[in-house]
Protein backbone atom coordinates (compact mmCIF):
# COMPACT_ATOMS: atom_id res chain seq x y z
CA MET A 1 11.00 12.96 4.66
CA PHE A 2 9.83 15.33 7.35
CA ILE A 3 11.14 15.20 10.93
CA ILE A 4 8.87 16.13 13.82
CA ALA A 5 10.88 16.27 17.04
CA GLY A 6 9.19 16.69 20.40
CA LEU A 7 11.47 17.75 23.24
CA GLY A 8 11.51 16.22 26.70
CA ASN A 9 13.48 14.17 29.19
CA PRO A 10 13.63 10.36 28.87
CA ASP A 11 13.31 9.08 32.46
CA GLU A 12 9.96 7.83 33.71
CA LYS A 13 10.03 10.40 36.54
CA TYR A 14 9.70 13.17 33.91
CA GLN A 15 6.57 11.74 32.27
CA GLY A 16 3.65 14.14 32.41
CA THR A 17 5.80 17.12 33.44
CA ARG A 18 5.62 20.57 31.86
CA HIS A 19 9.04 20.10 30.25
CA ASN A 20 7.86 16.95 28.45
CA VAL A 21 4.99 18.41 26.42
CA GLY A 22 7.02 17.88 23.22
CA PHE A 23 7.13 14.14 23.96
CA ASP A 24 3.41 14.21 24.76
CA VAL A 25 2.54 15.78 21.39
CA VAL A 26 4.72 13.24 19.54
CA ASP A 27 2.95 10.46 21.47
CA ARG A 28 -0.42 11.92 20.44
CA LEU A 29 0.69 12.07 16.77
CA ALA A 30 2.02 8.49 17.00
CA GLU A 31 -1.31 7.30 18.39
CA LYS A 32 -3.41 9.23 15.86
CA TYR A 33 -1.43 8.04 12.83
CA GLN A 34 -0.48 4.57 14.16
CA ILE A 35 3.27 5.16 14.13
CA ALA A 36 5.34 3.12 16.59
CA VAL A 37 8.00 5.38 18.11
CA ASP A 38 10.12 2.57 19.49
CA THR A 39 13.34 2.36 17.43
CA LYS A 40 16.50 3.58 19.15
CA LYS A 41 18.76 5.46 16.74
CA HIS A 42 20.68 8.73 16.74
CA ARG A 43 20.29 8.96 20.54
CA ALA A 44 16.52 9.18 20.10
CA LEU A 45 13.39 7.08 20.00
CA ILE A 46 12.12 7.31 16.43
CA GLY A 47 9.20 6.05 14.40
CA LYS A 48 8.66 6.16 10.64
CA GLY A 49 5.24 6.62 9.16
CA VAL A 50 2.95 8.75 7.02
CA ILE A 51 0.94 11.79 8.10
CA GLU A 52 -1.48 13.29 5.59
CA GLY A 53 0.37 11.68 2.67
CA GLN A 54 3.81 12.91 3.81
CA LYS A 55 6.58 10.54 4.96
CA VAL A 56 7.50 11.47 8.51
CA LEU A 57 9.95 10.58 11.22
CA LEU A 58 8.60 11.16 14.73
CA VAL A 59 11.45 11.80 17.15
CA LYS A 60 11.88 11.89 20.93
CA PRO A 61 15.54 12.75 21.68
CA GLN A 62 16.86 10.66 24.58
CA THR A 63 19.78 12.98 25.35
CA TYR A 64 17.91 14.94 28.03
CA MET A 65 16.50 18.33 27.19
CA ASN A 66 19.70 20.39 27.34
CA LEU A 67 21.46 18.22 24.72
CA SER A 68 18.48 17.76 22.34
CA GLY A 69 20.44 19.34 19.47
CA GLU A 70 22.99 16.52 19.38
CA SER A 71 20.33 13.96 18.52
CA ILE A 72 18.49 16.27 16.11
CA ARG A 73 21.68 17.26 14.26
CA SER A 74 22.55 13.58 13.81
CA LEU A 75 19.09 12.91 12.29
CA VAL A 76 19.16 16.02 10.06
CA GLU A 77 22.58 14.97 8.70
CA TYR A 78 21.69 11.29 8.29
CA TYR A 79 18.41 11.92 6.46
CA LYS A 80 19.85 14.93 4.60
CA ILE A 81 16.85 17.12 5.34
CA ASP A 82 16.62 20.91 5.14
CA PRO A 83 15.80 22.13 8.68
CA GLU A 84 14.13 25.27 7.27
CA GLU A 85 11.58 23.20 5.34
CA GLU A 86 11.55 19.65 6.74
CA LEU A 87 12.08 19.91 10.50
CA LEU A 88 9.45 20.78 13.10
CA VAL A 89 10.37 21.08 16.79
CA ILE A 90 7.68 20.98 19.48
CA TYR A 91 8.39 22.12 23.02
CA ASP A 92 7.09 23.78 26.20
CA ASP A 93 6.87 27.54 26.72
CA ILE A 94 6.35 29.23 30.10
CA SER A 95 5.44 32.58 28.54
CA LEU A 96 2.24 31.16 27.04
CA GLU A 97 -0.99 30.29 28.83
CA VAL A 98 -1.62 26.62 29.53
CA GLY A 99 -2.42 24.77 26.29
CA GLN A 100 -1.96 27.84 24.07
CA LEU A 101 0.12 27.42 20.90
CA ARG A 102 2.59 29.73 19.20
CA ILE A 103 3.94 28.67 15.82
CA ARG A 104 7.07 30.27 14.37
CA ARG A 105 9.27 29.73 11.29
CA LYS A 106 12.39 30.73 13.23
CA GLY A 107 13.47 32.53 16.37
CA SER A 108 15.77 32.74 19.34
CA ALA A 109 15.93 30.14 22.09
CA GLY A 110 14.04 32.50 24.41
CA GLY A 111 15.84 31.00 27.40
CA HIS A 112 14.85 27.41 26.49
CA ASN A 113 17.97 25.24 26.87
CA GLY A 114 16.75 22.52 24.52
CA ILE A 115 16.22 25.04 21.71
CA LYS A 116 19.51 26.78 22.55
CA ASN A 117 21.29 23.44 22.04
CA ILE A 118 19.46 22.74 18.75
CA ILE A 119 20.40 26.18 17.41
CA ALA A 120 24.03 25.60 18.46
CA ASN A 121 24.12 22.17 16.82
CA LEU A 122 22.38 23.17 13.58
CA GLY A 123 24.22 26.50 13.36
CA SER A 124 20.89 28.17 12.57
CA SER A 125 17.77 29.40 14.34
CA VAL A 126 15.70 29.02 11.17
CA PHE A 127 13.48 25.96 11.64
CA PRO A 128 9.72 25.74 12.23
CA ARG A 129 8.59 25.23 15.79
CA ILE A 130 5.42 24.85 17.81
CA LYS A 131 5.59 26.18 21.34
CA VAL A 132 2.97 24.74 23.69
CA GLY A 133 2.14 26.92 26.67
CA VAL A 134 2.56 25.45 30.14
CA GLY A 135 1.74 28.65 32.05
CA GLU A 136 3.89 31.17 33.82
CA LYS A 137 6.06 30.14 36.75
CA PRO A 138 4.50 31.33 40.03
CA LYS A 139 6.47 33.94 42.00
CA GLY A 140 9.06 32.41 44.29
CA TYR A 141 9.20 29.12 42.37
CA ASP A 142 12.49 27.76 41.05
CA LEU A 143 12.22 27.53 37.24
CA ALA A 144 13.64 23.99 37.08
CA ASP A 145 11.22 22.79 39.78
CA TYR A 146 8.33 24.41 37.92
CA VAL A 147 9.03 22.95 34.45
CA LEU A 148 9.77 19.55 35.99
CA GLY A 149 6.47 19.66 37.89
CA LYS A 150 3.21 18.04 36.83
CA PHE A 151 -0.02 19.74 35.73
CA SER A 152 -3.05 20.26 37.95
CA LYS A 153 -6.27 18.44 36.94
CA GLU A 154 -7.66 21.68 35.45
CA ASP A 155 -4.48 22.39 33.51
CA ARG A 156 -4.31 18.78 32.27
CA VAL A 157 -7.68 19.30 30.50
CA LEU A 158 -6.35 22.44 28.78
CA MET A 159 -3.14 20.63 27.82
CA GLU A 160 -5.08 17.76 26.23
CA GLU A 161 -6.82 20.33 24.00
CA GLY A 162 -3.45 21.95 23.27
CA TYR A 163 -1.97 18.57 22.26
CA ASP A 164 -4.82 17.99 19.81
CA LEU A 165 -4.37 21.46 18.32
CA ALA A 166 -0.60 20.90 18.06
CA CYS A 167 -1.28 17.69 16.10
CA GLU A 168 -3.59 19.55 13.70
CA ALA A 169 -1.02 22.34 13.30
CA SER A 170 1.78 19.80 12.70
CA ALA A 171 -0.18 18.22 9.84
CA LEU A 172 -0.70 21.66 8.23
CA ILE A 173 2.97 22.60 8.59
CA MET A 174 4.04 19.32 6.97
CA GLN A 175 1.79 20.14 4.01
CA GLY A 176 3.64 23.44 3.54
CA ALA A 177 0.85 25.53 5.08
CA ILE A 178 2.78 27.12 7.96
CA ASN A 179 1.16 30.52 7.34
CA GLN A 180 -2.29 28.96 7.60
CA ALA A 181 -1.20 27.14 10.77
CA MET A 182 0.07 30.42 12.30
CA ASN A 183 -3.18 32.21 11.39
CA GLU A 184 -5.35 29.45 12.85
CA TYR A 185 -3.43 28.49 15.97
CA ASN A 186 -1.52 31.58 17.17
CA GLN A 187 -4.64 33.19 18.65
CA LYS A 188 -5.34 33.32 22.33
CA LYS A 189 -7.92 30.78 23.42
CA LYS A 190 -11.49 31.99 23.47
CA GLU A 191 -12.76 32.24 27.03
């Protein structure tokens, strides 16, 4: 069993915001592989299915971003998975250009409260992750207002491409090809 957790906030008012790109990628995976993510368990919406021959659990924690780790820890413990090998977390990153991906095997929270909470709950920062760029916060903007804001039409197009790439990268990572995924998807977009 492999767990792919996309981070976001559950209320309707947060749909389509920068902070919810993890949910958006999980939704894209669910659509592509016909997995219904509609069961409420472990303080998350979950869906069981198969991606590229691998059993998977798609997860959208419903704890709000800053407590994402509580839901993920509960799932990791219940399904007895190894976070280093069988967990993938997908989330937004303001230090990357819009739609750009950065895949890592491990790392710090980098100021992301959802990741900070997952690290605290798992007691480890060693788990694969896909960061999806949402662009840098403009000068003078409040960070919370920025990440809870919606994308412009132009940025939405770039994000759609980013979501597709994140789905492709997720499938590779599940097949144990994280190095290949990093080589293919960690490049800056071609202009």
